[in-house]
Amino acid sequence: MSLKTADVRVVDGAAKSVRAIGKGNKERQVPLPESFGRVLALSIADKYRDEFLFAKKTGLPTDWPTCREGVS
């Protein structure tokens, strides 16, 4: 997943949605739950807009299998 902080839409201190590029290079706006949006907005507040949301220690984006392992 290569989502960057610039892909998160923050309004009044809460992340409202994330812009994701899916199959066929289609852009989608994914809405976020209010409680998660507040936490996400706080966690990205001090990050640069070009930083990855889910990054390895090297700063490179994680791959999809790695993300899935962390969730399960």
Foldseek 3Di string as FASTA:
>chain_A
DFFFQLQFDDDPQFTAWGWDQDPPRDIDTGGDDRVVRNVLSVVCVPPDRNQGPAADPVSHHDDPVVVVVVVD
